[in-house]
Amino acid sequence: MSNADLVTNNNNARGVAGILAIQGDFAMHAKMLDRIGAPWKLIKHAREIQGVDGLILPGGESTTMLKFFSGEGMGEGVREFAVAGKPVFGTCAGAILLAGDVTGPSQETLGLLDISIERNAYGRQIDSSVRTGECPGLTDHPIEMVFIRAPIIRRVGDRVKVLGRADGLPVLVEQNNLLAATFHPELTEDETVHRYFLGKMNQPPTG
């Protein structure tokens, strides 16, 4: 099945998408899934992770999320979920948490995705922007992309596929069951990226 097929063939998607709801814009992801008609559940405790079939790590403050991860056991729960081959989708801060290494400044991560990422690389929140990008493997139309204190992916490992670019930079990447975006697809009307993630939930677990 092609990447584009994952976007278009998920009307009968099985399972429930979990949305990490400890901090950040988790509510907007829920609204996007409602629009698509996909079932979802807010995840506030580590024990709840195993009750879902895919997991979204939303944008927000990655350092704040890390503090919660260490105190609640959430970080280990997310790592075990991902290692088991279940789909995990990180946007902005969520992408930072998935990354192998982080600069600007450096910080602890889950270390699951073979990329190097620079925090707040586009500047302050007041300098945030809406840009148009391309995801040729997912759709043939340009995608509106919202960048808010966004990171930049500076290195992509050999196992990582670049699914989307904006201004020549990788902004949507995939490594087996892991998906990461440096922008906020939940803040637009375009359902392409979320539909792609839901399509991954229909695939056999990969690691």
C-alpha atoms as a PDB file:
ATOM      1  CA  MET A   1       0.000   0.000   0.000  1.00  0.00           C
ATOM      2  CA  SER A   2       1.356   3.423  -0.950  1.00  0.00           C
ATOM      3  CA  ASN A   3       1.557   6.421   1.365  1.00  0.00           C
ATOM      4  CA  ALA A   4      -1.245   8.104  -0.556  1.00  0.00           C
ATOM      5  CA  ASP A   5      -3.402   5.006  -0.026  1.00  0.00           C
ATOM      6  CA  LEU A   6      -2.956   5.395   3.733  1.00  0.00           C
ATOM      7  CA  VAL A   7      -4.418   8.892   3.450  1.00  0.00           C
ATOM      8  CA  THR A   8      -7.451   7.891   1.398  1.00  0.00           C
ATOM      9  CA  ASN A   9      -8.237   4.367   2.620  1.00  0.00           C
ATOM     10  CA  ASN A  10      -8.841   4.966   6.329  1.00  0.00           C
ATOM     11  CA  ASN A  11     -12.579   5.550   6.366  1.00  0.00           C
ATOM     12  CA  ASN A  12     -12.877   2.150   8.047  1.00  0.00           C
ATOM     13  CA  ALA A  13      -9.992   2.801  10.408  1.00  0.00           C
ATOM     14  CA  ARG A  14      -9.946   0.449  13.360  1.00  0.00           C
ATOM     15  CA  GLY A  15      -8.941   1.375  16.868  1.00  0.00           C
ATOM     16  CA  VAL A  16      -8.714   4.487  18.997  1.00  0.00           C
ATOM     17  CA  ALA A  17      -6.148   7.272  18.709  1.00  0.00           C
ATOM     18  CA  GLY A  18      -4.760   8.441  22.026  1.00  0.00           C
ATOM     19  CA  ILE A  19      -3.831  12.109  22.482  1.00  0.00           C
ATOM     20  CA  LEU A  20      -1.342  12.980  25.210  1.00  0.00           C
ATOM     21  CA  ALA A  21      -3.198  15.551  27.316  1.00  0.00           C
ATOM     22  CA  ILE A  22      -0.767  16.710  29.983  1.00  0.00           C
ATOM     23  CA  GLN A  23       0.073  20.036  28.300  1.00  0.00           C
ATOM     24  CA  GLY A  24      -0.128  21.720  24.904  1.00  0.00           C
ATOM     25  CA  ASP A  25      -2.742  21.923  22.152  1.00  0.00           C
ATOM     26  CA  PHE A  26      -4.219  18.440  22.532  1.00  0.00           C
ATOM     27  CA  ALA A  27      -7.758  19.827  22.173  1.00  0.00           C
ATOM     28  CA  MET A  28      -7.087  20.892  18.572  1.00  0.00           C
ATOM     29  CA  HIS A  29      -5.965  17.392  17.649  1.00  0.00           C
ATOM     30  CA  ALA A  30      -9.205  16.090  19.142  1.00  0.00           C
ATOM     31  CA  LYS A  31     -11.189  18.540  17.001  1.00  0.00           C
ATOM     32  CA  MET A  32      -9.346  17.398  13.896  1.00  0.00           C
ATOM     33  CA  LEU A  33     -10.117  13.743  14.647  1.00  0.00           C
ATOM     34  CA  ASP A  34     -13.760  14.650  15.296  1.00  0.00           C
ATOM     35  CA  ARG A  35     -13.887  16.311  11.888  1.00  0.00           C
ATOM     36  CA  ILE A  36     -12.524  13.153  10.270  1.00  0.00           C
ATOM     37  CA  GLY A  37     -14.848  10.949  12.321  1.00  0.00           C
ATOM     38  CA  ALA A  38     -12.105   8.997  14.083  1.00  0.00           C
ATOM     39  CA  PRO A  39     -12.459   7.842  17.715  1.00  0.00           C
ATOM     40  CA  TRP A  40      -9.991   9.300  20.203  1.00  0.00           C
ATOM     41  CA  LYS A  41      -9.153   9.302  23.897  1.00  0.00           C
ATOM     42  CA  LEU A  42      -7.230  11.818  25.995  1.00  0.00           C
ATOM     43  CA  ILE A  43      -4.240  10.245  27.752  1.00  0.00           C
ATOM     44  CA  LYS A  44      -3.382  11.760  31.138  1.00  0.00           C
ATOM     45  CA  HIS A  45      -1.774   8.796  32.893  1.00  0.00           C
ATOM     46  CA  ALA A  46       0.814   6.268  31.759  1.00  0.00           C
ATOM     47  CA  ARG A  47      -1.472   3.324  32.487  1.00  0.00           C
ATOM     48  CA  GLU A  48      -3.935   4.594  29.844  1.00  0.00           C
ATOM     49  CA  ILE A  49      -1.495   4.315  26.938  1.00  0.00           C
ATOM     50  CA  GLN A  50      -1.960   0.592  26.433  1.00  0.00           C
ATOM     51  CA  GLY A  51      -5.679   1.137  25.884  1.00  0.00           C
ATOM     52  CA  VAL A  52      -5.189   2.915  22.542  1.00  0.00           C
ATOM     53  CA  ASP A  53      -3.943   1.892  19.106  1.00  0.00           C
ATOM     54  CA  GLY A  54      -1.956   5.006  18.159  1.00  0.00           C
ATOM     55  CA  LEU A  55      -0.619   7.979  20.099  1.00  0.00           C
ATOM     56  CA  ILE A  56      -0.343  11.707  19.296  1.00  0.00           C
ATOM     57  CA  LEU A  57       2.223  13.838  21.146  1.00  0.00           C
ATOM     58  CA  PRO A  58       0.960  17.415  20.656  1.00  0.00           C
ATOM     59  CA  GLY A  59       2.755  20.731  20.442  1.00  0.00           C
ATOM     60  CA  GLY A  60       3.410  22.695  23.628  1.00  0.00           C
ATOM     61  CA  GLU A  61       6.466  23.025  25.853  1.00  0.00           C
ATOM     62  CA  SER A  62       8.741  20.013  25.521  1.00  0.00           C
ATOM     63  CA  THR A  63      10.616  20.823  28.744  1.00  0.00           C
ATOM     64  CA  THR A  64       7.352  20.902  30.711  1.00  0.00           C
ATOM     65  CA  MET A  65       6.314  17.581  29.205  1.00  0.00           C
ATOM     66  CA  LEU A  66       9.666  16.046  30.141  1.00  0.00           C
ATOM     67  CA  LYS A  67       9.180  16.982  33.806  1.00  0.00           C
ATOM     68  CA  PHE A  68       5.835  15.215  33.778  1.00  0.00           C
ATOM     69  CA  PHE A  69       7.352  12.237  31.961  1.00  0.00           C
ATOM     70  CA  SER A  70       9.930  11.671  34.688  1.00  0.00           C
ATOM     71  CA  GLY A  71       7.450  11.978  37.549  1.00  0.00           C
ATOM     72  CA  GLU A  72       4.558   9.956  36.142  1.00  0.00           C
ATOM     73  CA  GLY A  73       6.339   7.220  34.239  1.00  0.00           C
ATOM     74  CA  MET A  74       4.747   8.560  31.075  1.00  0.00           C
ATOM     75  CA  GLY A  75       8.038   8.716  29.209  1.00  0.00           C
ATOM     76  CA  GLU A  76       8.714   5.016  29.698  1.00  0.00           C
ATOM     77  CA  GLY A  77       5.118   4.247  28.757  1.00  0.00           C
ATOM     78  CA  VAL A  78       5.443   6.153  25.471  1.00  0.00           C
ATOM     79  CA  ARG A  79       8.797   4.506  24.749  1.00  0.00           C
ATOM     80  CA  GLU A  80       7.421   0.997  25.339  1.00  0.00           C
ATOM     81  CA  PHE A  81       4.403   1.774  23.142  1.00  0.00           C
ATOM     82  CA  ALA A  82       6.661   2.941  20.311  1.00  0.00           C
ATOM     83  CA  VAL A  83       9.142   0.075  20.652  1.00  0.00           C
ATOM     84  CA  ALA A  84       6.201  -2.337  20.382  1.00  0.00           C
ATOM     85  CA  GLY A  85       5.614  -0.927  16.900  1.00  0.00           C
ATOM     86  CA  LYS A  86       2.474   1.097  17.657  1.00  0.00           C
ATOM     87  CA  PRO A  87       2.090   4.357  15.653  1.00  0.00           C
ATOM     88  CA  VAL A  88       3.266   7.524  17.421  1.00  0.00           C
ATOM     89  CA  PHE A  89       2.831  10.993  15.883  1.00  0.00           C
ATOM     90  CA  GLY A  90       4.663  13.996  17.358  1.00  0.00           C
ATOM     91  CA  THR A  91       3.938  17.586  16.308  1.00  0.00           C
ATOM     92  CA  CYS A  92       6.330  20.438  17.124  1.00  0.00           C
ATOM     93  CA  ALA A  93       7.207  19.770  20.793  1.00  0.00           C
ATOM     94  CA  GLY A  94       6.129  16.183  20.237  1.00  0.00           C
ATOM     95  CA  ALA A  95       8.637  15.913  17.403  1.00  0.00           C
ATOM     96  CA  ILE A  96      11.335  17.253  19.721  1.00  0.00           C
ATOM     97  CA  LEU A  97      10.494  14.590  22.301  1.00  0.00           C
ATOM     98  CA  LEU A  98      10.825  11.830  19.699  1.00  0.00           C
ATOM     99  CA  ALA A  99      14.143  13.076  18.284  1.00  0.00           C
ATOM    100  CA  GLY A 100      17.464  11.358  18.809  1.00  0.00           C
ATOM    101  CA  ASP A 101      19.221  14.585  19.747  1.00  0.00           C
ATOM    102  CA  VAL A 102      18.241  18.212  20.285  1.00  0.00           C
ATOM    103  CA  THR A 103      20.088  21.531  20.187  1.00  0.00           C
ATOM    104  CA  GLY A 104      19.146  25.125  20.968  1.00  0.00           C
ATOM    105  CA  PRO A 105      19.704  24.167  23.840  1.00  0.00           C
ATOM    106  CA  SER A 106      20.187  20.441  24.208  1.00  0.00           C
ATOM    107  CA  GLN A 107      17.727  18.479  26.332  1.00  0.00           C
ATOM    108  CA  GLU A 108      16.729  14.941  27.215  1.00  0.00           C
ATOM    109  CA  THR A 109      14.469  13.169  24.709  1.00  0.00           C
ATOM    110  CA  LEU A 110      12.854   9.789  24.186  1.00  0.00           C
ATOM    111  CA  GLY A 111      15.549   9.131  21.559  1.00  0.00           C
ATOM    112  CA  LEU A 112      13.283   7.110  19.283  1.00  0.00           C
ATOM    113  CA  LEU A 113      13.569   8.924  15.939  1.00  0.00           C
ATOM    114  CA  ASP A 114      16.908   9.149  14.103  1.00  0.00           C
ATOM    115  CA  ILE A 115      16.903  12.913  13.535  1.00  0.00           C
ATOM    116  CA  SER A 116      18.695  15.939  14.976  1.00  0.00           C
ATOM    117  CA  ILE A 117      16.408  18.860  15.698  1.00  0.00           C
ATOM    118  CA  GLU A 118      16.992  22.481  16.709  1.00  0.00           C
ATOM    119  CA  ARG A 119      14.470  24.017  19.110  1.00  0.00           C
ATOM    120  CA  ASN A 120      12.773  27.391  18.431  1.00  0.00           C
ATOM    121  CA  ALA A 121      14.783  27.614  15.238  1.00  0.00           C
ATOM    122  CA  TYR A 122      12.387  29.994  13.474  1.00  0.00           C
ATOM    123  CA  GLY A 123      12.450  32.521  16.316  1.00  0.00           C
ATOM    124  CA  ARG A 124      10.040  33.784  18.963  1.00  0.00           C
ATOM    125  CA  GLN A 125       6.302  33.104  19.018  1.00  0.00           C
ATOM    126  CA  ILE A 126       5.605  36.567  17.614  1.00  0.00           C
ATOM    127  CA  ASP A 127       7.589  35.530  14.535  1.00  0.00           C
ATOM    128  CA  SER A 128       5.484  32.431  13.924  1.00  0.00           C
ATOM    129  CA  SER A 129       4.128  32.008  10.430  1.00  0.00           C
ATOM    130  CA  VAL A 130       1.852  30.161   8.042  1.00  0.00           C
ATOM    131  CA  ARG A 131       3.639  28.664   5.051  1.00  0.00           C
ATOM    132  CA  THR A 132       2.835  26.373   2.152  1.00  0.00           C
ATOM    133  CA  GLY A 133       4.596  23.051   1.904  1.00  0.00           C
ATOM    134  CA  GLU A 134       4.574  19.921  -0.212  1.00  0.00           C
ATOM    135  CA  CYS A 135       3.969  16.304   0.799  1.00  0.00           C
ATOM    136  CA  PRO A 136       4.161  14.645  -2.625  1.00  0.00           C
ATOM    137  CA  GLY A 137       3.882  11.086  -1.343  1.00  0.00           C
ATOM    138  CA  LEU A 138       0.669  11.876   0.534  1.00  0.00           C
ATOM    139  CA  THR A 139      -1.197  14.326  -1.689  1.00  0.00           C
ATOM    140  CA  ASP A 140      -0.828  16.256  -4.925  1.00  0.00           C
ATOM    141  CA  HIS A 141      -2.055  19.545  -3.452  1.00  0.00           C
ATOM    142  CA  PRO A 142       0.021  22.070  -1.453  1.00  0.00           C
ATOM    143  CA  ILE A 143      -0.486  21.894   2.316  1.00  0.00           C
ATOM    144  CA  GLU A 144      -0.944  24.890   4.589  1.00  0.00           C
ATOM    145  CA  MET A 145       1.519  24.623   7.471  1.00  0.00           C
ATOM    146  CA  VAL A 146       1.416  26.604  10.720  1.00  0.00           C
ATOM    147  CA  PHE A 147       4.785  27.106  12.443  1.00  0.00           C
ATOM    148  CA  ILE A 148       4.764  28.332  16.070  1.00  0.00           C
ATOM    149  CA  ARG A 149       8.167  28.591  17.762  1.00  0.00           C
ATOM    150  CA  ALA A 150       8.913  25.674  15.507  1.00  0.00           C
ATOM    151  CA  PRO A 151      12.010  23.486  15.513  1.00  0.00           C
ATOM    152  CA  ILE A 152      14.034  22.709  12.406  1.00  0.00           C
ATOM    153  CA  ILE A 153      15.188  19.204  11.514  1.00  0.00           C
ATOM    154  CA  ARG A 154      18.921  19.570  10.881  1.00  0.00           C
ATOM    155  CA  ARG A 155      19.828  15.919  10.252  1.00  0.00           C
ATOM    156  CA  VAL A 156      17.847  12.974   8.930  1.00  0.00           C
ATOM    157  CA  GLY A 157      19.133   9.454   9.529  1.00  0.00           C
ATOM    158  CA  ASP A 158      19.317   6.729   6.889  1.00  0.00           C
ATOM    159  CA  ARG A 159      16.201   4.997   8.250  1.00  0.00           C
ATOM    160  CA  VAL A 160      14.089   8.153   8.096  1.00  0.00           C
ATOM    161  CA  LYS A 161      11.885   9.131   5.150  1.00  0.00           C
ATOM    162  CA  VAL A 162      11.155  12.785   4.426  1.00  0.00           C
ATOM    163  CA  LEU A 163       7.452  12.997   3.596  1.00  0.00           C
ATOM    164  CA  GLY A 164       7.090  16.788   3.505  1.00  0.00           C
ATOM    165  CA  ARG A 165       9.147  19.923   2.923  1.00  0.00           C
ATOM    166  CA  ALA A 166       8.649  23.664   3.230  1.00  0.00           C
ATOM    167  CA  ASP A 167      11.187  26.221   2.032  1.00  0.00           C
ATOM    168  CA  GLY A 168      13.500  23.315   1.211  1.00  0.00           C
ATOM    169  CA  LEU A 169      13.565  22.012   4.789  1.00  0.00           C
ATOM    170  CA  PRO A 170      12.183  18.660   5.973  1.00  0.00           C
ATOM    171  CA  VAL A 171       9.034  19.303   8.030  1.00  0.00           C
ATOM    172  CA  LEU A 172       7.332  15.891   8.047  1.00  0.00           C
ATOM    173  CA  VAL A 173       9.372  12.717   8.553  1.00  0.00           C
ATOM    174  CA  GLU A 174       8.699   9.051   9.173  1.00  0.00           C
ATOM    175  CA  GLN A 175      10.658   6.141  10.602  1.00  0.00           C
ATOM    176  CA  ASN A 176       8.622   2.941  10.517  1.00  0.00           C
ATOM    177  CA  ASN A 177       5.804   3.494  13.056  1.00  0.00           C
ATOM    178  CA  LEU A 178       7.016   6.971  14.052  1.00  0.00           C
ATOM    179  CA  LEU A 179       5.768  10.175  12.411  1.00  0.00           C
ATOM    180  CA  ALA A 180       6.954  13.686  13.266  1.00  0.00           C
ATOM    181  CA  ALA A 181       5.973  17.161  12.032  1.00  0.00           C
ATOM    182  CA  THR A 182       7.666  20.439  12.917  1.00  0.00           C
ATOM    183  CA  PHE A 183       4.433  22.280  12.063  1.00  0.00           C
ATOM    184  CA  HIS A 184       0.872  22.115  13.457  1.00  0.00           C
ATOM    185  CA  PRO A 185      -1.444  20.257  11.038  1.00  0.00           C
ATOM    186  CA  GLU A 186      -4.206  20.360  13.654  1.00  0.00           C
ATOM    187  CA  LEU A 187      -4.465  24.157  13.292  1.00  0.00           C
ATOM    188  CA  THR A 188      -5.577  24.064   9.653  1.00  0.00           C
ATOM    189  CA  GLU A 189      -8.502  22.622   7.714  1.00  0.00           C
ATOM    190  CA  ASP A 190      -6.262  20.149   5.866  1.00  0.00           C
ATOM    191  CA  GLU A 191      -6.824  16.588   7.098  1.00  0.00           C
ATOM    192  CA  THR A 192      -4.049  14.957   5.047  1.00  0.00           C
ATOM    193  CA  VAL A 193      -1.456  14.372   7.774  1.00  0.00           C
ATOM    194  CA  HIS A 194      -3.913  13.139  10.402  1.00  0.00           C
ATOM    195  CA  ARG A 195      -5.538  10.813   7.865  1.00  0.00           C
ATOM    196  CA  TYR A 196      -2.102   9.434   7.054  1.00  0.00           C
ATOM    197  CA  PHE A 197      -1.458   8.774  10.744  1.00  0.00           C
ATOM    198  CA  LEU A 198      -4.826   7.037  11.109  1.00  0.00           C
ATOM    199  CA  GLY A 199      -3.941   4.906   8.087  1.00  0.00           C
ATOM    200  CA  LYS A 200      -0.776   3.765   9.888  1.00  0.00           C
ATOM    201  CA  MET A 201      -2.989   2.507  12.721  1.00  0.00           C
ATOM    202  CA  ASN A 202      -4.458  -0.016  10.276  1.00  0.00           C
ATOM    203  CA  GLN A 203      -1.040  -1.486   9.460  1.00  0.00           C
ATOM    204  CA  PRO A 204       0.665  -4.355  11.332  1.00  0.00           C
ATOM    205  CA  PRO A 205       2.945  -3.085  14.136  1.00  0.00           C
ATOM    206  CA  THR A 206       6.452  -2.194  12.975  1.00  0.00           C
ATOM    207  CA  GLY A 207       9.582  -1.365  14.907  1.00  0.00           C
END
